[in-house]
């Protein structure tokens, strides 16, 4: 691939087309790009793990459902590791998927997409954002922004893609949607949003005509396939369980559950299973859901208390609709600003360690020898990184809004559609993660590299316009 825009000329002045780079140089640049996206794992000596990594591994090992842990991402880990031969396989696949989607995004945005540009883009994102810390991690977080790119490509750039590209994007998007319920919820919202944004992205070129149908069909397929596949694999036609618990945890943290108990339990001590434990109710969502002394465990814990907590959520919404809505808005706003890199990436990974020891002992030496598990100064590393990552994330959010305004003013509909969808995805992710769960840096930092990419696309587009160059990709 050459480091230039697609060769189809467009009316107007044309810039010089650089000669195609030699194959060894192109392969070297792509290897550097992949290395940039995986450098945390290379530095660590082992793929980066999170508290929940062991839970995803266990889904494939046990073929059972567990709250908040997708069976399908567990099966992806098993397949990408070649049935546990090497856990470097999943992060390598993460990196390759991100690189391919980056290339397609640059190409269909009418920008240079060759090896040098791709390597430069990957290096920029790796240096300025948390992207490589999610690409190099045995977790499905990287697939959330991947799903956004897949839906955008299918919905707004369908006519710029070949049949095999469409099929590949659809397959990746389906994996991403099935890998976590929050990704499926975001995909559902984006499918609706894309239908509303379609006029914004509609330009004069028929090849740029938006097609809201394909992303809507992909999301519908995920909603249909998850319970059907669960039925075939584990005998339960259901979605990944656990949703009401996370919403309830946020209401605990915002004091709404305590207010509900204060109002109902004195008159009827049997109104809720939590009434006897009202005085022991924690003040944070994490303590309520995960602490070993939480009343959540006393009333049935995961699976046993879901119906009761869902009933209390409905009662709280009915009793205090204004307060629930206000706290949801506050949580969404808080989530938008929580973008620090490294949330939860410390050495305390007891369940993952137990999973390796019990089920995958061949990987325990590599896991234990990693810098993350040896308690090397990973915390200090994130302090330094966040001196860059946090301001870049905040500035890029404002920058994406600026790109949208400029693209609309100059009738660059393709760029306007991309910037608008990125903003919608960031806002939707903040609502799903903050209001329907609990604000954490991890949830938003996994997404903000999309806004940096949107700003980069705007800068490149402006640069070409400044030089009088207008390049457009050929249809496949």
Protein backbone atom coordinates (compact mmCIF):
# COMPACT_ATOMS: atom_id res chain seq x y z
CA UNK A 1 0.00 0.00 0.00
CA UNK A 2 1.35 3.44 -0.83
CA UNK A 3 1.41 6.41 1.50
CA UNK A 4 -1.02 8.55 -0.48
CA UNK A 5 -4.72 9.05 -0.94
CA UNK A 6 -6.64 6.74 -3.21
CA UNK A 7 -5.47 7.22 -6.80
CA UNK A 8 -8.82 8.27 -8.26
CA UNK A 9 -8.43 11.98 -9.06
CA UNK A 10 -11.08 14.54 -8.24
CA UNK A 11 -11.71 17.86 -9.97
CA UNK A 12 -9.36 20.62 -8.92
CA UNK A 13 -5.61 20.92 -8.32
CA UNK A 14 -3.79 17.72 -7.56
CA UNK A 15 -0.74 17.30 -5.36
CA UNK A 16 2.31 15.22 -6.17
CA UNK A 17 1.79 11.55 -5.59
CA UNK A 18 4.69 10.01 -3.72
CA UNK A 19 6.18 6.86 -5.18
CA UNK A 20 5.00 3.62 -3.66
CA UNK A 21 7.19 2.56 -0.76
CA UNK A 22 9.22 -0.65 -1.16
CA UNK A 23 7.52 -3.72 0.28
CA UNK A 24 10.11 -4.29 3.08
CA UNK A 25 9.71 -0.69 4.22
CA UNK A 26 5.92 -0.97 4.20
CA UNK A 27 6.03 -4.18 6.22
CA UNK A 28 8.46 -2.58 8.64
CA UNK A 29 6.21 0.43 9.12
CA UNK A 30 3.18 -1.79 9.73
CA UNK A 31 5.18 -3.81 12.29
CA UNK A 32 6.10 -0.56 14.04
CA UNK A 33 2.44 0.49 14.02
CA UNK A 34 1.40 -2.82 15.56
CA UNK A 35 4.20 -2.53 18.11
CA UNK A 36 3.01 0.94 19.07
CA UNK A 37 -0.48 -0.40 19.76
CA UNK A 38 0.85 -3.33 21.80
CA UNK A 39 3.79 -1.68 23.54
CA UNK A 40 2.29 -1.95 27.08
CA UNK A 41 2.17 -5.74 26.76
CA UNK A 42 5.68 -5.81 25.30
CA UNK A 43 6.94 -3.65 28.18
CA UNK A 44 5.02 -5.75 30.69
CA UNK A 45 6.32 -9.06 29.34
CA UNK A 46 2.76 -10.44 29.32
CA UNK A 47 -0.63 -9.16 28.15
CA UNK A 48 -2.06 -6.62 30.59
CA UNK A 49 -4.83 -7.99 32.82
CA UNK A 50 -7.68 -6.44 34.78
CA UNK A 51 -9.76 -7.64 37.74
CA UNK A 52 -12.32 -9.13 35.35
CA UNK A 53 -9.89 -10.98 33.06
CA UNK A 54 -10.19 -14.20 35.04
CA UNK A 55 -13.97 -14.06 34.75
CA UNK A 56 -13.81 -13.89 30.95
CA UNK A 57 -11.33 -16.77 30.84
CA UNK A 58 -13.65 -18.82 33.02
CA UNK A 59 -16.63 -18.28 30.70
CA UNK A 60 -14.94 -20.32 27.99
CA UNK A 61 -13.45 -22.82 30.45
CA UNK A 62 -16.78 -23.52 32.17
CA UNK A 63 -19.27 -22.66 29.39
CA UNK A 64 -21.53 -20.99 31.94
CA UNK A 65 -23.08 -17.53 32.16
CA UNK A 66 -21.90 -15.04 34.75
CA UNK A 67 -23.14 -11.52 35.47
CA UNK A 68 -21.29 -8.90 33.49
CA UNK A 69 -18.93 -11.36 31.76
CA UNK A 70 -19.67 -12.18 28.15
CA UNK A 71 -19.39 -15.82 27.18
CA UNK A 72 -18.59 -14.72 23.63
CA UNK A 73 -15.53 -12.69 24.59
CA UNK A 74 -14.35 -15.68 26.60
CA UNK A 75 -14.74 -17.85 23.51
CA UNK A 76 -12.84 -15.21 21.52
CA UNK A 77 -9.97 -15.47 24.02
CA UNK A 78 -9.98 -19.22 23.60
CA UNK A 79 -10.03 -19.09 19.80
CA UNK A 80 -7.50 -16.25 19.40
CA UNK A 81 -5.10 -17.99 21.80
CA UNK A 82 -5.41 -21.19 19.74
CA UNK A 83 -7.10 -23.00 22.61
CA UNK A 84 -4.88 -21.40 25.25
CA UNK A 85 -1.61 -22.06 23.43
CA UNK A 86 -0.57 -18.39 23.72
CA UNK A 87 -2.41 -15.49 25.34
CA UNK A 88 -0.47 -13.14 23.08
CA UNK A 89 -2.89 -14.19 20.34
CA UNK A 90 -5.89 -12.14 21.58
CA UNK A 91 -3.94 -8.89 21.98
CA UNK A 92 -2.32 -9.44 18.57
CA UNK A 93 -5.80 -9.77 17.07
CA UNK A 94 -6.88 -6.63 18.94
CA UNK A 95 -4.00 -4.72 17.38
CA UNK A 96 -4.60 -6.00 13.86
CA UNK A 97 -8.32 -5.20 14.02
CA UNK A 98 -7.64 -1.64 15.18
CA UNK A 99 -5.01 -1.12 12.47
CA UNK A 100 -7.29 -2.38 9.71
CA UNK A 101 -10.19 -0.23 10.84
CA UNK A 102 -7.90 2.79 11.12
CA UNK A 103 -6.79 2.24 7.54
CA UNK A 104 -10.37 1.93 6.29
CA UNK A 105 -11.38 5.02 8.24
CA UNK A 106 -8.57 7.11 6.77
CA UNK A 107 -9.26 5.83 3.28
CA UNK A 108 -12.98 6.42 3.34
CA UNK A 109 -12.49 9.89 4.84
CA UNK A 110 -10.57 10.79 1.65
CA UNK A 111 -7.24 10.93 3.54
CA UNK A 112 -3.84 9.29 3.02
CA UNK A 113 -4.00 5.72 4.26
CA UNK A 114 -0.70 4.11 3.32
CA UNK A 115 1.84 2.43 5.57
CA UNK A 116 3.62 5.62 6.63
CA UNK A 117 0.41 7.48 7.44
CA UNK A 118 -1.03 4.45 9.22
CA UNK A 119 2.12 4.02 11.29
CA UNK A 120 2.16 7.71 12.14
CA UNK A 121 -1.50 7.65 13.15
CA UNK A 122 -0.99 4.57 15.33
CA UNK A 123 2.08 6.11 16.96
CA UNK A 124 0.22 9.36 17.63
CA UNK A 125 -2.74 7.57 19.20
CA UNK A 126 -0.41 5.32 21.19
CA UNK A 127 1.47 8.30 22.59
CA UNK A 128 -1.43 10.63 23.32
CA UNK A 129 -4.23 8.28 24.43
CA UNK A 130 -4.98 5.14 26.42
CA UNK A 131 -5.61 3.10 23.25
CA UNK A 132 -2.57 0.79 23.57
CA UNK A 133 -3.40 0.01 27.20
CA UNK A 134 -6.71 -1.42 26.02
CA UNK A 135 -5.40 -3.04 22.85
CA UNK A 136 -2.75 -4.85 24.93
CA UNK A 137 -5.24 -5.94 27.59
CA UNK A 138 -7.12 -9.24 27.92
CA UNK A 139 -10.45 -7.43 28.18
CA UNK A 140 -13.23 -6.49 25.74
CA UNK A 141 -12.91 -2.72 26.38
CA UNK A 142 -11.04 -2.11 23.12
CA UNK A 143 -13.99 -3.56 21.22
CA UNK A 144 -16.31 -0.73 22.34
CA UNK A 145 -14.68 1.93 20.10
CA UNK A 146 -14.12 -0.78 17.49
CA UNK A 147 -17.90 -1.25 17.38
CA UNK A 148 -18.33 2.50 16.81
CA UNK A 149 -15.97 2.45 13.81
CA UNK A 150 -17.68 -0.64 12.39
CA UNK A 151 -21.13 0.92 12.61
CA UNK A 152 -19.90 4.18 11.09
CA UNK A 153 -18.19 2.43 8.19
CA UNK A 154 -21.25 0.31 7.43
CA UNK A 155 -23.69 3.17 7.80
CA UNK A 156 -21.89 6.17 6.33
CA UNK A 157 -19.22 4.68 4.05
CA UNK A 158 -20.97 1.57 2.73
CA UNK A 159 -20.51 2.54 -0.92
CA UNK A 160 -16.79 3.13 -0.39
CA UNK A 161 -16.24 -0.46 0.75
CA UNK A 162 -15.82 -3.68 -1.16
CA UNK A 163 -17.97 -6.77 -0.48
CA UNK A 164 -15.24 -8.54 1.51
CA UNK A 165 -14.57 -5.39 3.51
CA UNK A 166 -18.25 -5.10 4.39
CA UNK A 167 -18.35 -8.74 5.46
CA UNK A 168 -15.22 -8.37 7.57
CA UNK A 169 -16.47 -5.22 9.26
CA UNK A 170 -19.82 -6.86 9.98
CA UNK A 171 -18.09 -9.87 11.56
CA UNK A 172 -15.87 -7.66 13.74
CA UNK A 173 -18.83 -5.50 14.69
CA UNK A 174 -20.90 -8.53 15.67
CA UNK A 175 -18.09 -9.81 17.90
CA UNK A 176 -17.80 -6.38 19.52
CA UNK A 177 -21.54 -6.12 20.16
CA UNK A 178 -21.70 -9.60 21.69
CA UNK A 179 -18.65 -8.98 23.90
CA UNK A 180 -20.45 -6.80 26.45
CA UNK A 181 -23.99 -5.68 27.12
CA UNK A 182 -22.87 -2.04 27.38
CA UNK A 183 -21.47 -2.27 23.83
CA UNK A 184 -24.78 -3.67 22.61
CA UNK A 185 -26.65 -0.83 24.34
CA UNK A 186 -24.31 1.71 22.76
CA UNK A 187 -24.74 0.07 19.36
CA UNK A 188 -28.51 0.26 19.69
CA UNK A 189 -28.34 3.96 20.49
CA UNK A 190 -25.91 4.64 17.65
CA UNK A 191 -28.09 2.79 15.14
CA UNK A 192 -30.95 5.13 16.04
CA UNK A 193 -28.61 8.12 16.04
CA UNK A 194 -27.24 7.26 12.61
CA UNK A 195 -30.73 7.25 11.15
CA UNK A 196 -31.21 10.76 12.56
CA UNK A 197 -27.74 11.92 11.45
CA UNK A 198 -28.10 10.57 7.91
CA UNK A 199 -29.15 13.96 6.42
CA UNK A 200 -26.09 15.55 8.01
CA UNK A 201 -23.75 13.18 6.18
CA UNK A 202 -25.57 13.21 2.85
CA UNK A 203 -23.47 14.94 0.19
CA UNK A 204 -23.62 15.43 -3.53
CA UNK A 205 -21.63 12.30 -4.42
CA UNK A 206 -23.88 9.22 -4.60
CA UNK A 207 -21.02 7.15 -3.18
CA UNK A 208 -21.30 9.16 0.04
CA UNK A 209 -25.00 8.46 0.54
CA UNK A 210 -25.60 7.20 4.11
CA UNK A 211 -27.20 3.81 4.63
CA UNK A 212 -28.64 3.50 8.15
CA UNK A 213 -29.97 0.03 7.29
CA UNK A 214 -26.77 -2.06 7.60
CA UNK A 215 -25.81 -0.89 11.12
CA UNK A 216 -29.42 -1.32 12.26
CA UNK A 217 -29.46 -4.87 10.88
CA UNK A 218 -26.13 -5.65 12.59
CA UNK A 219 -27.41 -4.49 15.97
CA UNK A 220 -30.67 -6.39 15.45
CA UNK A 221 -28.67 -9.51 14.59
CA UNK A 222 -26.70 -9.22 17.85
CA UNK A 223 -29.91 -8.81 19.86
CA UNK A 224 -31.34 -11.93 18.23
CA UNK A 225 -28.21 -14.06 18.21
CA UNK A 226 -27.12 -13.63 21.83
CA UNK A 227 -30.06 -15.47 23.43
CA UNK A 228 -30.17 -18.04 20.63
CA UNK A 229 -26.47 -18.81 20.96
CA UNK A 230 -26.75 -18.92 24.73
CA UNK A 231 -29.57 -21.41 24.33
CA UNK A 232 -27.43 -23.63 22.13
CA UNK A 233 -24.27 -23.32 24.25
CA UNK A 234 -25.53 -23.30 27.84
CA UNK A 235 -29.25 -24.08 27.55
CA UNK A 236 -30.49 -20.60 28.56
CA UNK A 237 -32.16 -18.27 26.07
CA UNK A 238 -31.13 -15.07 27.79
CA UNK A 239 -28.76 -12.12 27.63
CA UNK A 240 -25.61 -11.73 29.71
CA UNK A 241 -27.04 -11.31 33.24
CA UNK A 242 -26.33 -8.62 35.83
CA UNK A 243 -27.78 -5.39 34.44
CA UNK A 244 -30.13 -4.41 37.33
CA UNK A 245 -27.35 -4.85 39.88
CA UNK A 246 -25.13 -2.20 38.29
CA UNK A 247 -27.99 0.31 38.03
CA UNK A 248 -28.90 -0.39 41.65
CA UNK A 249 -25.29 0.18 42.70
CA UNK A 250 -25.35 3.66 41.19
CA UNK A 251 -28.59 4.45 43.06
CA UNK A 252 -26.93 3.25 46.26
CA UNK A 253 -23.99 5.58 45.67
CA UNK A 254 -26.30 8.54 45.00
CA UNK A 255 -28.29 7.94 48.20
CA UNK A 256 -31.57 7.14 46.46
CA UNK A 257 -31.78 3.56 47.76
CA UNK A 258 -31.24 4.74 51.32
CA UNK A 259 -34.03 7.27 50.89
CA UNK A 260 -36.35 4.57 49.53
CA UNK A 261 -35.58 2.34 52.52
CA UNK A 262 -36.08 5.24 54.94
CA UNK A 263 -39.50 5.95 53.42
CA UNK A 264 -40.79 2.38 53.12
CA UNK A 265 -39.18 0.16 55.77
CA UNK A 266 -40.50 1.87 58.97
CA UNK A 267 -44.10 1.35 57.82
CA UNK A 268 -43.48 -2.13 56.38
CA UNK A 269 -40.34 -3.93 57.58
CA UNK A 270 -40.96 -6.63 54.98
CA UNK A 271 -41.26 -4.18 52.07
CA UNK A 272 -37.79 -5.11 50.78
CA UNK A 273 -35.26 -7.80 51.54
CA UNK A 274 -32.76 -5.04 52.37
CA UNK A 275 -34.88 -3.52 55.16
CA UNK A 276 -33.19 -5.55 57.93
CA UNK A 277 -29.80 -4.48 56.59
CA UNK A 278 -30.60 -0.81 56.11
CA UNK A 279 -28.05 0.35 58.66
CA UNK A 280 -25.33 -1.70 56.94
CA UNK A 281 -25.90 -0.29 53.46
CA UNK A 282 -22.57 0.86 51.93
CA UNK A 283 -22.18 4.34 50.51
CA UNK A 284 -20.47 3.38 47.22
CA UNK A 285 -21.54 1.19 44.33
CA UNK A 286 -18.32 -0.81 44.38
CA UNK A 287 -18.68 -1.65 48.09
CA UNK A 288 -22.29 -2.68 47.64
CA UNK A 289 -21.58 -4.95 44.66
CA UNK A 290 -18.18 -6.40 45.53
CA UNK A 291 -17.43 -6.12 49.26
CA UNK A 292 -17.58 -9.43 51.08
CA UNK A 293 -19.63 -7.93 53.95
CA UNK A 294 -22.17 -6.18 51.69
CA UNK A 295 -25.89 -6.79 52.35
CA UNK A 296 -26.03 -7.76 48.67
CA UNK A 297 -24.51 -11.11 49.61
CA UNK A 298 -26.98 -11.57 52.47
CA UNK A 299 -30.06 -11.23 50.24
CA UNK A 300 -28.91 -13.65 47.56
CA UNK A 301 -26.04 -11.93 45.70
CA UNK A 302 -25.72 -12.43 41.93
CA UNK A 303 -28.63 -14.35 40.50
CA UNK A 304 -30.48 -14.63 43.79
CA UNK A 305 -31.14 -10.92 44.34
CA UNK A 306 -31.53 -9.66 40.76
CA UNK A 307 -35.32 -9.64 40.72
CA UNK A 308 -35.52 -7.87 44.08
CA UNK A 309 -33.05 -5.18 43.06
CA UNK A 310 -34.84 -4.67 39.74
CA UNK A 311 -38.09 -4.14 41.66
CA UNK A 312 -36.43 -1.59 43.92
CA UNK A 313 -35.02 0.27 40.92
CA UNK A 314 -38.53 0.51 39.43
CA UNK A 315 -39.93 1.70 42.75
CA UNK A 316 -37.20 4.32 43.12
CA UNK A 317 -37.80 5.67 39.61
CA UNK A 318 -41.55 5.86 40.28
CA UNK A 319 -41.12 7.50 43.69
CA UNK A 320 -38.35 9.98 42.86
CA UNK A 321 -38.27 10.48 39.08
CA UNK A 322 -36.74 13.95 39.24
CA UNK A 323 -33.96 12.93 41.60
CA UNK A 324 -33.18 9.80 39.60
CA UNK A 325 -32.99 11.84 36.38
CA UNK A 326 -30.84 14.55 37.98
CA UNK A 327 -28.36 12.08 39.44
CA UNK A 328 -28.22 10.28 36.07
CA UNK A 329 -27.28 13.56 34.38
CA UNK A 330 -24.64 14.22 37.03
CA UNK A 331 -23.21 10.74 36.61
CA UNK A 332 -23.10 11.18 32.82
CA UNK A 333 -21.30 14.51 33.16
CA UNK A 334 -18.87 13.01 35.67
CA UNK A 335 -18.18 10.08 33.34
CA UNK A 336 -17.42 12.43 30.43
CA UNK A 337 -14.60 13.97 32.45
CA UNK A 338 -13.16 10.75 33.90
CA UNK A 339 -10.56 9.86 31.26
CA UNK A 340 -7.41 8.91 33.17
CA UNK A 341 -5.34 5.99 31.89
CA UNK A 342 -4.57 3.02 34.13
CA UNK A 343 -7.77 2.62 36.12
CA UNK A 344 -7.54 -0.73 37.93
CA UNK A 345 -4.30 -1.84 36.26
CA UNK A 346 -2.44 -2.63 39.46
CA UNK A 347 -0.93 -5.85 40.73
CA UNK A 348 -4.01 -7.02 42.68
CA UNK A 349 -5.40 -9.67 40.36
CA UNK A 350 -6.29 -12.49 42.74
CA UNK A 351 -9.05 -14.13 40.73
CA UNK A 352 -7.05 -14.09 37.50
CA UNK A 353 -4.10 -15.58 39.37
CA UNK A 354 -6.38 -18.29 40.77
CA UNK A 355 -7.75 -18.96 37.26
CA UNK A 356 -4.26 -19.51 35.88
CA UNK A 357 -3.23 -21.65 38.83
CA UNK A 358 -6.34 -23.83 38.69
CA UNK A 359 -7.08 -24.07 34.96
CA UNK A 360 -4.18 -22.68 32.90
CA UNK A 361 -1.04 -23.44 34.94
CA UNK A 362 1.16 -23.24 31.85
CA UNK A 363 0.54 -19.47 31.77
CA UNK A 364 1.10 -18.83 35.48
CA UNK A 365 4.91 -18.31 35.26
CA UNK A 366 4.56 -15.67 32.54
CA UNK A 367 1.72 -13.98 34.41
CA UNK A 368 3.64 -13.94 37.70
CA UNK A 369 6.84 -12.65 36.06
CA UNK A 370 5.13 -9.68 34.40
CA UNK A 371 6.00 -6.19 35.58
CA UNK A 372 2.36 -5.63 36.54
CA UNK A 373 2.41 -8.58 38.95
CA UNK A 374 5.87 -7.80 40.35
CA UNK A 375 4.49 -4.50 41.66
CA UNK A 376 6.95 -2.46 39.65
CA UNK A 377 6.16 1.29 39.55
CA UNK A 378 3.20 1.00 37.23
CA UNK A 379 1.25 3.51 39.31
CA UNK A 380 3.96 6.14 38.91
CA UNK A 381 4.00 5.42 35.19
CA UNK A 382 0.30 6.29 34.90
CA UNK A 383 0.80 9.51 36.85
CA UNK A 384 3.24 10.62 34.17
CA UNK A 385 1.12 9.40 31.27
CA UNK A 386 -1.94 11.22 32.55
CA UNK A 387 -0.12 14.53 32.50
CA UNK A 388 -0.54 14.12 28.73
CA UNK A 389 -3.52 11.80 28.28
CA UNK A 390 -6.06 13.70 30.36
CA UNK A 391 -5.63 17.17 28.81
CA UNK A 392 -5.42 15.63 25.33
CA UNK A 393 -8.72 13.81 25.96
CA UNK A 394 -10.49 16.95 27.16
CA UNK A 395 -9.09 19.11 24.36
CA UNK A 396 -9.93 16.53 21.72
CA UNK A 397 -13.55 16.48 22.85
CA UNK A 398 -13.76 20.22 22.22
CA UNK A 399 -11.70 19.78 19.06
CA UNK A 400 -14.15 17.22 17.68
CA UNK A 401 -16.98 19.71 18.15
CA UNK A 402 -14.84 22.25 16.27
CA UNK A 403 -14.22 19.77 13.44
CA UNK A 404 -17.97 19.16 13.20
CA UNK A 405 -18.71 22.89 12.99
CA UNK A 406 -15.98 23.47 10.35
CA UNK A 407 -17.02 20.45 8.31
CA UNK A 408 -20.64 21.62 8.27
CA UNK A 409 -19.65 25.16 7.34
CA UNK A 410 -17.49 23.95 4.44
CA UNK A 411 -19.93 21.19 3.38
CA UNK A 412 -17.55 18.34 4.09
CA UNK A 413 -20.41 16.00 4.85
CA UNK A 414 -18.31 12.84 5.17
CA UNK A 415 -16.17 14.44 7.89
CA UNK A 416 -19.20 16.02 9.59
CA UNK A 417 -20.88 12.63 9.83
CA UNK A 418 -17.80 11.07 11.39
CA UNK A 419 -17.30 13.85 13.95
CA UNK A 420 -20.99 13.85 14.86
CA UNK A 421 -21.05 10.08 15.40
CA UNK A 422 -17.90 10.22 17.54
CA UNK A 423 -19.49 12.88 19.76
CA UNK A 424 -22.69 10.84 19.97
CA UNK A 425 -20.71 7.71 20.87
CA UNK A 426 -18.76 9.52 23.62
CA UNK A 427 -21.96 10.94 25.08
CA UNK A 428 -23.80 7.62 24.81
CA UNK A 429 -20.94 5.73 26.43
CA UNK A 430 -20.85 8.27 29.28
CA UNK A 431 -24.57 7.79 29.90
CA UNK A 432 -24.47 3.98 29.73
CA UNK A 433 -21.35 3.68 31.88
CA UNK A 434 -22.02 6.55 34.28
CA UNK A 435 -25.79 6.72 34.71
CA UNK A 436 -26.60 3.02 34.24
CA UNK A 437 -23.55 1.77 36.12
CA UNK A 438 -21.03 3.95 37.94
CA UNK A 439 -18.48 6.49 36.65
CA UNK A 440 -14.95 5.12 36.28
CA UNK A 441 -11.97 6.40 34.30
CA UNK A 442 -11.69 3.10 32.46
CA UNK A 443 -15.06 3.44 30.79
CA UNK A 444 -14.37 6.75 29.05
CA UNK A 445 -10.62 6.47 28.52
CA UNK A 446 -11.24 3.45 26.28
CA UNK A 447 -13.26 5.72 23.95
CA UNK A 448 -11.52 9.10 23.80
CA UNK A 449 -8.98 8.08 21.17
CA UNK A 450 -11.86 8.29 18.69
CA UNK A 451 -12.08 12.05 19.32
CA UNK A 452 -8.32 12.38 18.80
CA UNK A 453 -8.75 10.51 15.51
CA UNK A 454 -11.57 12.87 14.51
CA UNK A 455 -9.39 15.90 15.23
CA UNK A 456 -6.52 14.36 13.26
CA UNK A 457 -8.86 13.73 10.33
CA UNK A 458 -9.98 17.34 10.50
CA UNK A 459 -6.40 18.63 10.52
CA UNK A 460 -5.45 16.47 7.54
CA UNK A 461 -8.56 17.55 5.66
CA UNK A 462 -7.78 21.21 6.40
CA UNK A 463 -4.17 20.72 5.27
CA UNK A 464 -5.27 19.28 1.94
CA UNK A 465 -7.77 22.11 1.46
CA UNK A 466 -5.06 24.65 2.30
CA UNK A 467 -2.82 23.23 -0.42
CA UNK A 468 -5.67 23.08 -2.92
CA UNK A 469 -5.72 19.27 -2.91
CA UNK A 470 -8.96 17.35 -2.84
CA UNK A 471 -8.53 13.62 -2.91
CA UNK A 472 -11.35 11.13 -3.00
CA UNK A 473 -11.21 7.36 -2.70
CA UNK A 474 -12.31 5.19 -5.55
CA UNK A 475 -15.27 2.94 -5.12
CA UNK A 476 -14.24 -0.70 -4.76
